[in-house]
Amino acid sequence: MIDKEKILEIIESQKTSNSMEKIARRVFHELPTGKQESIELFDDLVRTGDWSIFWMVTLWIKRKELYDLQFMEFYETWLYDHIDTWGKCDVYCYRVLNPMVEKHPKLFDNVIKWTGSSKTYVRRAAAVSLLQSTGSFKVDQSSERVLKVVEKLKHDEDIHVQKAVGWLLKYAYLSYPNTIYHYLKDDVDDLPRVIFRYALEKTPDDVKDELMSL
C-alpha cells in the first residue's frame, strides 16, 4: 500500500512544473481505494503541517466523498490543530465540514461547541460550516440553527468571526428572507455594524435602504 513518504515524493517531483490542482489530480490515482486506509494516510499527510498538502487532502476528501460519521474525529482534530487563517478555514469548511454537517444533523452539536472555542478560526468555522458552496453559496440549515449560531457569535471581538457571521446571514436571507429581515430589524442595535453591513449585501435595495436607516 502506498504510504505518506511515497505520496510526498510524487508531490515533490511534480512541484516545479504543475499547479496544485494538477498535482492533486495526478496523485489521486495513486491513493488507496479503501476509505479507512485513505483517511489514515490523509491524517499522516496533514500532520506534516504543509498547507499545500492539506489543501490537496481536502480536494481528495471531496472527490472520494469521505463523509462517513466516524471520520469526524479526524476532521475535528484537524480543525483545532491545523486551521490558523481565514482562507484555510473557508476552504476546509466548503470541502469537508459543511458536507459533514449537512449529511449528519447530529454534528450541529459540534458546531455549537466550536462557537465557544478559544481559537478564532474554530469559531469562524461554526458560521462558515453552515454555508454550502456549490456554484454559489446557499444555506440549507434551518433558520433556527442559523440564528442560534449567530446569537452565539454576534459579540465576538475578532473581525474574521464577525465577517463570517455577516456572511452567514447574507446567504441565509436568500433562504429565509422574512425571518432574517425581522431578525436584522429587531436586533439592529445589538449587532456590530460589520455584521449588519455584510448581512444586507443580498437584500433588495428597498430593504437595504430601510434597514440601513434604522
N, C-alpha and C. Protein backbone atom coordinates (compact mmCIF):
# COMPACT_ATOMS: atom_id res chain seq x y z
N MET A 1 0.84 -1.20 0.00
CA MET A 1 0.00 0.00 0.00
C MET A 1 0.88 1.25 0.00
N ILE A 2 0.48 2.24 -0.75
CA ILE A 2 1.25 3.47 -0.83
C ILE A 2 1.23 4.19 0.52
N ASP A 3 2.36 4.76 0.91
CA ASP A 3 2.43 5.43 2.21
C ASP A 3 2.71 6.91 2.05
N LYS A 4 2.78 7.59 3.19
CA LYS A 4 2.99 9.04 3.19
C LYS A 4 4.24 9.43 2.43
N GLU A 5 5.34 8.72 2.67
CA GLU A 5 6.61 9.10 2.04
C GLU A 5 6.54 9.02 0.52
N LYS A 6 5.85 8.00 0.01
CA LYS A 6 5.71 7.86 -1.43
C LYS A 6 4.88 8.99 -2.01
N ILE A 7 3.79 9.35 -1.33
CA ILE A 7 2.95 10.46 -1.78
C ILE A 7 3.75 11.75 -1.80
N LEU A 8 4.51 12.00 -0.73
CA LEU A 8 5.31 13.22 -0.66
C LEU A 8 6.36 13.25 -1.76
N GLU A 9 6.90 12.10 -2.08
CA GLU A 9 7.90 12.01 -3.16
C GLU A 9 7.27 12.37 -4.51
N ILE A 10 6.07 11.86 -4.75
CA ILE A 10 5.38 12.17 -6.02
C ILE A 10 5.07 13.66 -6.10
N ILE A 11 4.56 14.22 -4.99
CA ILE A 11 4.23 15.64 -4.96
C ILE A 11 5.46 16.49 -5.24
N GLU A 12 6.56 16.17 -4.59
CA GLU A 12 7.79 16.94 -4.75
C GLU A 12 8.29 16.88 -6.19
N SER A 13 8.16 15.73 -6.81
CA SER A 13 8.64 15.58 -8.19
C SER A 13 7.81 16.38 -9.19
N GLN A 14 6.58 16.74 -8.80
CA GLN A 14 5.68 17.44 -9.70
C GLN A 14 5.67 18.96 -9.49
N LYS A 15 6.29 19.44 -8.41
CA LYS A 15 6.11 20.83 -7.98
C LYS A 15 6.63 21.87 -8.98
N THR A 16 7.71 21.57 -9.67
CA THR A 16 8.34 22.61 -10.49
C THR A 16 7.53 22.99 -11.71
N SER A 17 6.71 22.09 -12.20
CA SER A 17 6.05 22.36 -13.48
C SER A 17 4.53 22.28 -13.43
N ASN A 18 3.92 22.04 -12.27
CA ASN A 18 2.48 21.85 -12.22
C ASN A 18 1.84 22.66 -11.09
N SER A 19 0.60 23.03 -11.29
CA SER A 19 -0.17 23.69 -10.25
C SER A 19 -0.59 22.66 -9.20
N MET A 20 -1.06 23.14 -8.06
CA MET A 20 -1.51 22.23 -7.01
C MET A 20 -2.67 21.37 -7.50
N GLU A 21 -3.56 21.96 -8.29
CA GLU A 21 -4.70 21.19 -8.79
C GLU A 21 -4.24 20.05 -9.69
N LYS A 22 -3.26 20.33 -10.56
CA LYS A 22 -2.75 19.27 -11.43
C LYS A 22 -2.04 18.20 -10.63
N ILE A 23 -1.27 18.60 -9.64
CA ILE A 23 -0.58 17.62 -8.79
C ILE A 23 -1.61 16.77 -8.06
N ALA A 24 -2.65 17.41 -7.54
CA ALA A 24 -3.69 16.68 -6.82
C ALA A 24 -4.36 15.65 -7.71
N ARG A 25 -4.62 16.02 -8.96
CA ARG A 25 -5.23 15.06 -9.90
C ARG A 25 -4.28 13.90 -10.19
N ARG A 26 -2.99 14.22 -10.33
CA ARG A 26 -2.00 13.18 -10.62
C ARG A 26 -1.89 12.20 -9.45
N VAL A 27 -1.83 12.72 -8.26
CA VAL A 27 -1.65 11.86 -7.08
C VAL A 27 -2.91 11.08 -6.75
N PHE A 28 -4.06 11.63 -7.08
CA PHE A 28 -5.34 10.98 -6.75
C PHE A 28 -5.36 9.53 -7.20
N HIS A 29 -4.80 9.27 -8.36
CA HIS A 29 -4.83 7.91 -8.92
C HIS A 29 -3.90 6.94 -8.17
N GLU A 30 -3.04 7.48 -7.31
CA GLU A 30 -2.14 6.64 -6.53
C GLU A 30 -2.70 6.34 -5.13
N LEU A 31 -3.79 6.98 -4.77
CA LEU A 31 -4.33 6.86 -3.42
C LEU A 31 -5.00 5.50 -3.19
N PRO A 32 -5.07 5.08 -1.94
CA PRO A 32 -5.77 3.82 -1.63
C PRO A 32 -7.24 3.92 -2.05
N THR A 33 -7.84 2.79 -2.33
CA THR A 33 -9.26 2.79 -2.70
C THR A 33 -10.15 2.70 -1.47
N GLY A 34 -9.65 2.10 -0.40
CA GLY A 34 -10.45 1.94 0.81
C GLY A 34 -10.59 3.24 1.59
N LYS A 35 -11.74 3.44 2.21
CA LYS A 35 -11.99 4.68 2.96
C LYS A 35 -11.09 4.81 4.17
N GLN A 36 -11.01 3.76 4.97
CA GLN A 36 -10.23 3.85 6.20
C GLN A 36 -8.75 4.04 5.89
N GLU A 37 -8.26 3.32 4.90
CA GLU A 37 -6.86 3.48 4.51
C GLU A 37 -6.59 4.91 4.03
N SER A 38 -7.54 5.45 3.29
CA SER A 38 -7.38 6.82 2.79
C SER A 38 -7.32 7.82 3.94
N ILE A 39 -8.24 7.70 4.88
CA ILE A 39 -8.28 8.64 6.00
C ILE A 39 -7.01 8.55 6.83
N GLU A 40 -6.52 7.36 7.07
CA GLU A 40 -5.30 7.22 7.87
C GLU A 40 -4.10 7.82 7.14
N LEU A 41 -4.04 7.63 5.82
CA LEU A 41 -2.98 8.25 5.02
C LEU A 41 -3.11 9.76 5.06
N PHE A 42 -4.32 10.27 4.90
CA PHE A 42 -4.54 11.71 4.92
C PHE A 42 -4.15 12.31 6.27
N ASP A 43 -4.43 11.59 7.33
CA ASP A 43 -4.06 12.07 8.65
C ASP A 43 -2.54 12.22 8.75
N ASP A 44 -1.81 11.25 8.24
CA ASP A 44 -0.35 11.34 8.23
C ASP A 44 0.12 12.55 7.41
N LEU A 45 -0.54 12.79 6.28
CA LEU A 45 -0.15 13.91 5.42
C LEU A 45 -0.47 15.26 6.08
N VAL A 46 -1.62 15.36 6.69
CA VAL A 46 -2.00 16.62 7.36
C VAL A 46 -1.01 16.95 8.47
N ARG A 47 -0.54 15.94 9.16
CA ARG A 47 0.37 16.16 10.28
C ARG A 47 1.75 16.66 9.85
N THR A 48 2.01 16.69 8.55
CA THR A 48 3.27 17.29 8.09
C THR A 48 3.26 18.80 8.30
N GLY A 49 2.06 19.38 8.43
CA GLY A 49 1.95 20.82 8.63
C GLY A 49 2.09 21.64 7.37
N ASP A 50 2.15 21.00 6.22
CA ASP A 50 2.29 21.70 4.93
C ASP A 50 0.89 22.03 4.40
N TRP A 51 0.58 23.32 4.30
CA TRP A 51 -0.76 23.69 3.88
C TRP A 51 -1.08 23.26 2.46
N SER A 52 -0.12 23.30 1.55
CA SER A 52 -0.40 22.89 0.18
C SER A 52 -0.82 21.42 0.13
N ILE A 53 -0.21 20.61 0.98
CA ILE A 53 -0.59 19.20 1.04
C ILE A 53 -1.97 19.05 1.68
N PHE A 54 -2.22 19.81 2.74
CA PHE A 54 -3.54 19.78 3.37
C PHE A 54 -4.61 20.20 2.36
N TRP A 55 -4.33 21.23 1.56
CA TRP A 55 -5.26 21.69 0.54
C TRP A 55 -5.61 20.55 -0.41
N MET A 56 -4.60 19.78 -0.82
CA MET A 56 -4.85 18.63 -1.69
C MET A 56 -5.69 17.58 -0.99
N VAL A 57 -5.40 17.35 0.29
CA VAL A 57 -6.17 16.37 1.06
C VAL A 57 -7.65 16.74 1.06
N THR A 58 -7.97 18.04 1.24
CA THR A 58 -9.38 18.44 1.24
C THR A 58 -10.03 18.16 -0.12
N LEU A 59 -9.26 18.33 -1.19
CA LEU A 59 -9.77 18.05 -2.53
C LEU A 59 -10.02 16.55 -2.70
N TRP A 60 -9.11 15.73 -2.21
CA TRP A 60 -9.28 14.28 -2.30
C TRP A 60 -10.46 13.79 -1.47
N ILE A 61 -10.66 14.39 -0.32
CA ILE A 61 -11.81 14.03 0.51
C ILE A 61 -13.10 14.32 -0.24
N LYS A 62 -13.15 15.48 -0.89
CA LYS A 62 -14.34 15.84 -1.66
C LYS A 62 -14.55 14.87 -2.82
N ARG A 63 -13.49 14.56 -3.55
CA ARG A 63 -13.63 13.65 -4.70
C ARG A 63 -14.03 12.24 -4.27
N LYS A 64 -13.49 11.80 -3.13
CA LYS A 64 -13.81 10.47 -2.64
C LYS A 64 -15.10 10.43 -1.81
N GLU A 65 -15.65 11.61 -1.52
CA GLU A 65 -16.86 11.74 -0.70
C GLU A 65 -16.69 10.99 0.63
N LEU A 66 -15.63 11.33 1.32
CA LEU A 66 -15.34 10.67 2.60
C LEU A 66 -16.06 11.41 3.73
N TYR A 67 -17.36 11.23 3.78
CA TYR A 67 -18.20 11.95 4.72
C TYR A 67 -18.92 11.02 5.69
N ASP A 68 -18.30 9.89 5.98
CA ASP A 68 -18.86 8.98 6.98
C ASP A 68 -18.70 9.60 8.37
N LEU A 69 -19.67 9.35 9.22
CA LEU A 69 -19.69 9.98 10.54
C LEU A 69 -18.44 9.71 11.35
N GLN A 70 -17.90 8.51 11.25
CA GLN A 70 -16.74 8.16 12.08
C GLN A 70 -15.50 8.97 11.73
N PHE A 71 -15.49 9.61 10.57
CA PHE A 71 -14.32 10.41 10.18
C PHE A 71 -14.30 11.78 10.86
N MET A 72 -15.39 12.14 11.51
CA MET A 72 -15.42 13.46 12.14
C MET A 72 -14.37 13.60 13.23
N GLU A 73 -13.97 12.51 13.85
CA GLU A 73 -12.92 12.57 14.86
C GLU A 73 -11.63 13.13 14.26
N PHE A 74 -11.30 12.69 13.05
CA PHE A 74 -10.13 13.22 12.36
C PHE A 74 -10.35 14.68 11.97
N TYR A 75 -11.51 14.95 11.37
CA TYR A 75 -11.76 16.27 10.81
C TYR A 75 -11.79 17.34 11.89
N GLU A 76 -12.34 17.00 13.05
CA GLU A 76 -12.39 17.99 14.12
C GLU A 76 -11.00 18.23 14.71
N THR A 77 -10.20 17.19 14.81
CA THR A 77 -8.82 17.35 15.27
C THR A 77 -8.04 18.24 14.32
N TRP A 78 -8.21 18.05 13.04
CA TRP A 78 -7.52 18.89 12.06
C TRP A 78 -7.96 20.34 12.19
N LEU A 79 -9.25 20.54 12.42
CA LEU A 79 -9.77 21.91 12.59
C LEU A 79 -9.06 22.62 13.74
N TYR A 80 -8.95 21.95 14.86
CA TYR A 80 -8.35 22.57 16.04
C TYR A 80 -6.84 22.74 15.90
N ASP A 81 -6.19 21.80 15.23
CA ASP A 81 -4.73 21.79 15.24
C ASP A 81 -4.07 22.41 14.02
N HIS A 82 -4.81 22.57 12.91
CA HIS A 82 -4.13 22.96 11.67
C HIS A 82 -4.79 24.13 10.93
N ILE A 83 -5.90 24.64 11.39
CA ILE A 83 -6.56 25.75 10.71
C ILE A 83 -6.24 27.04 11.45
N ASP A 84 -5.44 27.90 10.82
CA ASP A 84 -4.97 29.10 11.52
C ASP A 84 -5.05 30.38 10.69
N THR A 85 -5.80 30.35 9.59
CA THR A 85 -6.09 31.57 8.82
C THR A 85 -7.53 31.47 8.31
N TRP A 86 -8.09 32.62 7.92
CA TRP A 86 -9.47 32.58 7.43
C TRP A 86 -9.57 31.82 6.11
N GLY A 87 -8.53 31.94 5.27
CA GLY A 87 -8.56 31.24 3.99
C GLY A 87 -8.56 29.73 4.16
N LYS A 88 -7.71 29.23 5.04
CA LYS A 88 -7.69 27.80 5.32
C LYS A 88 -9.03 27.34 5.89
N CYS A 89 -9.56 28.14 6.79
CA CYS A 89 -10.84 27.82 7.41
C CYS A 89 -11.93 27.66 6.37
N ASP A 90 -12.00 28.60 5.44
CA ASP A 90 -13.09 28.58 4.48
C ASP A 90 -13.00 27.41 3.50
N VAL A 91 -11.80 27.16 2.99
CA VAL A 91 -11.61 26.00 2.11
C VAL A 91 -11.98 24.71 2.83
N TYR A 92 -11.55 24.60 4.06
CA TYR A 92 -11.82 23.39 4.85
C TYR A 92 -13.32 23.23 5.10
N CYS A 93 -13.99 24.34 5.37
CA CYS A 93 -15.43 24.26 5.59
C CYS A 93 -16.16 23.84 4.32
N TYR A 94 -15.83 24.47 3.19
CA TYR A 94 -16.54 24.17 1.94
C TYR A 94 -16.39 22.71 1.53
N ARG A 95 -15.17 22.19 1.64
CA ARG A 95 -14.90 20.86 1.10
C ARG A 95 -15.15 19.73 2.09
N VAL A 96 -15.03 20.02 3.38
CA VAL A 96 -15.07 18.94 4.37
C VAL A 96 -16.16 19.15 5.42
N LEU A 97 -16.11 20.25 6.15
CA LEU A 97 -17.00 20.39 7.30
C LEU A 97 -18.46 20.61 6.91
N ASN A 98 -18.72 21.46 5.91
CA ASN A 98 -20.11 21.65 5.51
C ASN A 98 -20.77 20.36 5.03
N PRO A 99 -20.13 19.60 4.14
CA PRO A 99 -20.77 18.34 3.73
C PRO A 99 -21.02 17.39 4.90
N MET A 100 -20.12 17.38 5.88
CA MET A 100 -20.32 16.53 7.06
C MET A 100 -21.52 16.99 7.87
N VAL A 101 -21.61 18.29 8.11
CA VAL A 101 -22.72 18.82 8.92
C VAL A 101 -24.04 18.66 8.17
N GLU A 102 -24.02 18.84 6.85
CA GLU A 102 -25.22 18.66 6.05
C GLU A 102 -25.71 17.21 6.10
N LYS A 103 -24.77 16.28 6.03
CA LYS A 103 -25.13 14.86 5.96
C LYS A 103 -25.52 14.30 7.32
N HIS A 104 -24.94 14.84 8.38
CA HIS A 104 -25.17 14.28 9.72
C HIS A 104 -25.68 15.38 10.65
N PRO A 105 -26.99 15.57 10.72
CA PRO A 105 -27.55 16.67 11.52
C PRO A 105 -27.09 16.68 12.98
N LYS A 106 -26.78 15.53 13.54
CA LYS A 106 -26.34 15.49 14.94
C LYS A 106 -25.02 16.26 15.14
N LEU A 107 -24.27 16.49 14.07
CA LEU A 107 -23.00 17.22 14.20
C LEU A 107 -23.21 18.71 14.47
N PHE A 108 -24.47 19.16 14.43
CA PHE A 108 -24.72 20.55 14.81
C PHE A 108 -24.31 20.78 16.27
N ASP A 109 -24.33 19.75 17.08
CA ASP A 109 -23.83 19.87 18.46
C ASP A 109 -22.35 20.25 18.46
N ASN A 110 -21.59 19.70 17.53
CA ASN A 110 -20.18 20.06 17.39
C ASN A 110 -20.04 21.52 16.99
N VAL A 111 -20.89 21.95 16.06
CA VAL A 111 -20.85 23.34 15.59
C VAL A 111 -21.07 24.30 16.76
N ILE A 112 -22.04 24.00 17.59
CA ILE A 112 -22.31 24.86 18.75
C ILE A 112 -21.11 24.86 19.69
N LYS A 113 -20.48 23.74 19.85
CA LYS A 113 -19.28 23.67 20.69
C LYS A 113 -18.17 24.55 20.12
N TRP A 114 -18.04 24.61 18.81
CA TRP A 114 -16.99 25.42 18.19
C TRP A 114 -17.18 26.90 18.50
N THR A 115 -18.42 27.33 18.69
CA THR A 115 -18.65 28.76 18.94
C THR A 115 -18.00 29.22 20.25
N GLY A 116 -17.73 28.29 21.15
CA GLY A 116 -17.12 28.66 22.42
C GLY A 116 -15.63 28.42 22.49
N SER A 117 -15.01 28.09 21.36
CA SER A 117 -13.58 27.80 21.35
C SER A 117 -12.74 29.06 21.59
N SER A 118 -11.58 28.87 22.15
CA SER A 118 -10.63 29.98 22.30
C SER A 118 -9.90 30.26 20.99
N LYS A 119 -10.06 29.40 20.00
CA LYS A 119 -9.38 29.54 18.71
C LYS A 119 -10.27 30.29 17.72
N THR A 120 -9.75 31.38 17.19
CA THR A 120 -10.53 32.23 16.29
C THR A 120 -11.14 31.47 15.13
N TYR A 121 -10.34 30.62 14.48
CA TYR A 121 -10.81 30.01 13.24
C TYR A 121 -11.65 28.78 13.47
N VAL A 122 -11.67 28.28 14.70
CA VAL A 122 -12.66 27.27 15.07
C VAL A 122 -14.02 27.96 15.22
N ARG A 123 -14.02 29.14 15.85
CA ARG A 123 -15.27 29.89 15.98
C ARG A 123 -15.78 30.32 14.60
N ARG A 124 -14.87 30.77 13.74
CA ARG A 124 -15.29 31.15 12.38
C ARG A 124 -15.91 29.94 11.67
N ALA A 125 -15.33 28.77 11.87
CA ALA A 125 -15.84 27.56 11.21
C ALA A 125 -17.28 27.26 11.63
N ALA A 126 -17.66 27.64 12.83
CA ALA A 126 -19.04 27.40 13.26
C ALA A 126 -20.03 28.10 12.34
N ALA A 127 -19.68 29.29 11.87
CA ALA A 127 -20.55 30.02 10.93
C ALA A 127 -20.37 29.53 9.50
N VAL A 128 -19.13 29.42 9.06
CA VAL A 128 -18.88 29.10 7.65
C VAL A 128 -19.30 27.67 7.32
N SER A 129 -19.26 26.77 8.28
CA SER A 129 -19.65 25.38 8.02
C SER A 129 -21.13 25.24 7.72
N LEU A 130 -21.92 26.27 7.97
CA LEU A 130 -23.34 26.24 7.62
C LEU A 130 -23.61 26.75 6.22
N LEU A 131 -22.55 27.20 5.53
CA LEU A 131 -22.67 27.67 4.16
C LEU A 131 -22.29 26.56 3.19
N GLN A 132 -23.19 26.22 2.31
CA GLN A 132 -22.90 25.22 1.30
C GLN A 132 -22.33 25.90 0.07
N SER A 133 -21.15 25.45 -0.36
CA SER A 133 -20.50 26.04 -1.52
C SER A 133 -20.73 25.15 -2.74
N THR A 134 -21.53 25.61 -3.66
CA THR A 134 -21.76 24.89 -4.92
C THR A 134 -21.35 25.84 -6.03
N GLY A 135 -22.25 26.14 -6.97
CA GLY A 135 -21.95 27.16 -7.96
C GLY A 135 -21.82 28.52 -7.31
N SER A 136 -22.63 28.73 -6.29
CA SER A 136 -22.52 29.90 -5.43
C SER A 136 -22.76 29.40 -4.02
N PHE A 137 -23.07 30.28 -3.09
CA PHE A 137 -23.30 29.83 -1.73
C PHE A 137 -24.79 29.76 -1.44
N LYS A 138 -25.15 28.84 -0.55
CA LYS A 138 -26.53 28.77 -0.08
C LYS A 138 -26.55 28.18 1.32
N VAL A 139 -27.66 28.37 1.99
CA VAL A 139 -27.83 27.86 3.35
C VAL A 139 -29.00 26.89 3.35
N ASP A 140 -28.71 25.63 3.65
CA ASP A 140 -29.75 24.61 3.74
C ASP A 140 -30.14 24.30 5.18
N GLN A 141 -29.32 24.73 6.13
CA GLN A 141 -29.68 24.53 7.53
C GLN A 141 -30.91 25.37 7.87
N SER A 142 -31.65 24.95 8.89
CA SER A 142 -32.85 25.68 9.28
C SER A 142 -32.49 27.08 9.78
N SER A 143 -33.45 27.99 9.68
CA SER A 143 -33.21 29.34 10.17
C SER A 143 -32.97 29.34 11.68
N GLU A 144 -33.59 28.39 12.39
CA GLU A 144 -33.37 28.29 13.83
C GLU A 144 -31.92 27.98 14.14
N ARG A 145 -31.35 27.08 13.37
CA ARG A 145 -29.95 26.73 13.59
C ARG A 145 -29.03 27.89 13.21
N VAL A 146 -29.34 28.53 12.12
CA VAL A 146 -28.53 29.69 11.71
C VAL A 146 -28.51 30.73 12.81
N LEU A 147 -29.67 31.08 13.30
CA LEU A 147 -29.75 32.16 14.29
C LEU A 147 -29.18 31.74 15.63
N LYS A 148 -29.20 30.46 15.93
CA LYS A 148 -28.57 30.00 17.17
C LYS A 148 -27.06 30.25 17.11
N VAL A 149 -26.45 29.96 15.97
CA VAL A 149 -25.02 30.22 15.79
C VAL A 149 -24.74 31.72 15.79
N VAL A 150 -25.58 32.48 15.12
CA VAL A 150 -25.41 33.93 15.09
C VAL A 150 -25.45 34.50 16.51
N GLU A 151 -26.41 34.07 17.29
CA GLU A 151 -26.53 34.57 18.66
C GLU A 151 -25.30 34.24 19.50
N LYS A 152 -24.71 33.09 19.26
CA LYS A 152 -23.51 32.68 19.99
C LYS A 152 -22.30 33.53 19.63
N LEU A 153 -22.27 34.01 18.38
CA LEU A 153 -21.05 34.65 17.86
C LEU A 153 -21.17 36.15 17.63
N LYS A 154 -22.34 36.71 17.73
CA LYS A 154 -22.52 38.10 17.27
C LYS A 154 -21.71 39.12 18.07
N HIS A 155 -21.31 38.79 19.28
CA HIS A 155 -20.50 39.72 20.06
C HIS A 155 -19.02 39.33 20.07
N ASP A 156 -18.64 38.43 19.17
CA ASP A 156 -17.23 38.04 19.08
C ASP A 156 -16.39 39.26 18.72
N GLU A 157 -15.23 39.37 19.35
CA GLU A 157 -14.39 40.55 19.14
C GLU A 157 -13.51 40.45 17.90
N ASP A 158 -13.35 39.26 17.34
CA ASP A 158 -12.47 39.11 16.19
C ASP A 158 -13.19 39.46 14.89
N ILE A 159 -12.57 40.28 14.07
CA ILE A 159 -13.18 40.75 12.84
C ILE A 159 -13.46 39.60 11.87
N HIS A 160 -12.61 38.57 11.86
CA HIS A 160 -12.83 37.46 10.94
C HIS A 160 -14.03 36.61 11.33
N VAL A 161 -14.33 36.58 12.61
CA VAL A 161 -15.54 35.89 13.06
C VAL A 161 -16.76 36.75 12.75
N GLN A 162 -16.66 38.04 12.99
CA GLN A 162 -17.78 38.94 12.69
C GLN A 162 -18.15 38.88 11.20
N LYS A 163 -17.14 38.90 10.35
CA LYS A 163 -17.41 38.84 8.91
C LYS A 163 -18.08 37.52 8.53
N ALA A 164 -17.67 36.43 9.18
CA ALA A 164 -18.28 35.13 8.90
C ALA A 164 -19.74 35.12 9.31
N VAL A 165 -20.05 35.74 10.43
CA VAL A 165 -21.44 35.82 10.88
C VAL A 165 -22.27 36.64 9.89
N GLY A 166 -21.74 37.77 9.45
CA GLY A 166 -22.44 38.58 8.45
C GLY A 166 -22.64 37.83 7.15
N TRP A 167 -21.62 37.09 6.77
CA TRP A 167 -21.68 36.29 5.54
C TRP A 167 -22.77 35.23 5.63
N LEU A 168 -22.85 34.58 6.80
CA LEU A 168 -23.89 33.56 7.00
C LEU A 168 -25.27 34.18 6.91
N LEU A 169 -25.46 35.32 7.55
CA LEU A 169 -26.75 36.00 7.49
C LEU A 169 -27.08 36.45 6.06
N LYS A 170 -26.07 36.89 5.33
CA LYS A 170 -26.28 37.34 3.95
C LYS A 170 -26.91 36.25 3.09
N TYR A 171 -26.38 35.04 3.18
CA TYR A 171 -26.93 33.95 2.36
C TYR A 171 -28.15 33.30 3.00
N ALA A 172 -28.25 33.37 4.32
CA ALA A 172 -29.46 32.88 4.97
C ALA A 172 -30.66 33.72 4.55
N TYR A 173 -30.43 35.00 4.27
CA TYR A 173 -31.52 35.86 3.80
C TYR A 173 -32.15 35.31 2.52
N LEU A 174 -31.33 34.75 1.64
CA LEU A 174 -31.86 34.21 0.38
C LEU A 174 -32.74 33.00 0.62
N SER A 175 -32.48 32.26 1.68
CA SER A 175 -33.29 31.09 2.01
C SER A 175 -34.49 31.44 2.89
N TYR A 176 -34.30 32.43 3.77
CA TYR A 176 -35.35 32.77 4.74
C TYR A 176 -35.50 34.29 4.82
N PRO A 177 -35.95 34.92 3.76
CA PRO A 177 -35.95 36.39 3.73
C PRO A 177 -36.76 37.03 4.85
N ASN A 178 -37.94 36.52 5.13
CA ASN A 178 -38.77 37.15 6.16
C ASN A 178 -38.15 37.00 7.54
N THR A 179 -37.67 35.80 7.84
CA THR A 179 -37.09 35.54 9.15
C THR A 179 -35.84 36.40 9.38
N ILE A 180 -34.97 36.45 8.38
CA ILE A 180 -33.72 37.21 8.54
C ILE A 180 -34.01 38.71 8.54
N TYR A 181 -34.96 39.14 7.72
CA TYR A 181 -35.35 40.56 7.73
C TYR A 181 -35.78 40.99 9.13
N HIS A 182 -36.67 40.23 9.74
CA HIS A 182 -37.17 40.61 11.06
C HIS A 182 -36.08 40.49 12.12
N TYR A 183 -35.20 39.52 11.96
CA TYR A 183 -34.10 39.40 12.92
C TYR A 183 -33.20 40.64 12.85
N LEU A 184 -32.85 41.05 11.64
CA LEU A 184 -31.99 42.22 11.49
C LEU A 184 -32.69 43.49 11.98
N LYS A 185 -33.95 43.61 11.69
CA LYS A 185 -34.70 44.80 12.11
C LYS A 185 -34.80 44.87 13.63
N ASP A 186 -35.09 43.74 14.25
CA ASP A 186 -35.27 43.72 15.71
C ASP A 186 -33.96 43.84 16.46
N ASP A 187 -32.86 43.38 15.84
CA ASP A 187 -31.58 43.33 16.54
C ASP A 187 -30.59 44.39 16.05
N VAL A 188 -31.08 45.38 15.34
CA VAL A 188 -30.18 46.36 14.73
C VAL A 188 -29.26 47.01 15.76
N ASP A 189 -29.73 47.23 16.96
CA ASP A 189 -28.91 47.89 17.98
C ASP A 189 -27.99 46.93 18.72
N ASP A 190 -28.15 45.62 18.44
CA ASP A 190 -27.34 44.63 19.15
C ASP A 190 -26.39 43.89 18.23
N LEU A 191 -26.28 44.35 17.00
CA LEU A 191 -25.37 43.72 16.04
C LEU A 191 -24.24 44.68 15.67
N PRO A 192 -23.00 44.23 15.71
CA PRO A 192 -21.90 45.08 15.24
C PRO A 192 -22.16 45.50 13.79
N ARG A 193 -21.74 46.69 13.43
CA ARG A 193 -22.03 47.21 12.10
C ARG A 193 -21.40 46.37 11.00
N VAL A 194 -20.27 45.75 11.28
CA VAL A 194 -19.65 44.88 10.27
C VAL A 194 -20.60 43.75 9.92
N ILE A 195 -21.16 43.11 10.91
CA ILE A 195 -22.11 42.02 10.67
C ILE A 195 -23.33 42.55 9.93
N PHE A 196 -23.84 43.65 10.38
CA PHE A 196 -25.05 44.22 9.81
C PHE A 196 -24.86 44.56 8.33
N ARG A 197 -23.74 45.20 8.01
CA ARG A 197 -23.48 45.58 6.61
C ARG A 197 -23.32 44.35 5.72
N TYR A 198 -22.57 43.36 6.18
CA TYR A 198 -22.41 42.14 5.38
C TYR A 198 -23.76 41.45 5.17
N ALA A 199 -24.58 41.44 6.22
CA ALA A 199 -25.86 40.74 6.14
C ALA A 199 -26.79 41.35 5.11
N LEU A 200 -26.61 42.63 4.80
CA LEU A 200 -27.52 43.32 3.88
C LEU A 200 -27.12 43.20 2.42
N GLU A 201 -26.00 42.58 2.13
CA GLU A 201 -25.47 42.62 0.76
C GLU A 201 -26.35 41.92 -0.27
N LYS A 202 -27.18 40.97 0.14
CA LYS A 202 -28.04 40.26 -0.80
C LYS A 202 -29.51 40.70 -0.71
N THR A 203 -29.77 41.69 0.11
CA THR A 203 -31.15 42.15 0.22
C THR A 203 -31.50 43.10 -0.93
N PRO A 204 -32.78 43.18 -1.29
CA PRO A 204 -33.20 44.17 -2.32
C PRO A 204 -32.87 45.59 -1.84
N ASP A 205 -32.74 46.49 -2.78
CA ASP A 205 -32.35 47.86 -2.45
C ASP A 205 -33.29 48.52 -1.46
N ASP A 206 -34.59 48.27 -1.61
CA ASP A 206 -35.54 48.93 -0.71
C ASP A 206 -35.40 48.42 0.72
N VAL A 207 -35.14 47.13 0.86
CA VAL A 207 -34.93 46.55 2.19
C VAL A 207 -33.63 47.06 2.78
N LYS A 208 -32.62 47.11 1.95
CA LYS A 208 -31.31 47.60 2.40
C LYS A 208 -31.42 49.04 2.87
N ASP A 209 -32.09 49.88 2.10
CA ASP A 209 -32.24 51.29 2.47
C ASP A 209 -33.01 51.43 3.77
N GLU A 210 -34.05 50.63 3.91
CA GLU A 210 -34.86 50.70 5.13
C GLU A 210 -34.04 50.32 6.36
N LEU A 211 -33.33 49.20 6.26
CA LEU A 211 -32.59 48.71 7.43
C LEU A 211 -31.37 49.58 7.73
N MET A 212 -30.74 50.10 6.70
CA MET A 212 -29.58 50.97 6.94
C MET A 212 -29.99 52.29 7.59
N SER A 213 -31.23 52.67 7.43
CA SER A 213 -31.69 53.92 8.01
C SER A 213 -32.07 53.80 9.48
N LEU A 214 -32.10 52.59 9.99
CA LEU A 214 -32.51 52.38 11.39
C LEU A 214 -31.45 52.87 12.35
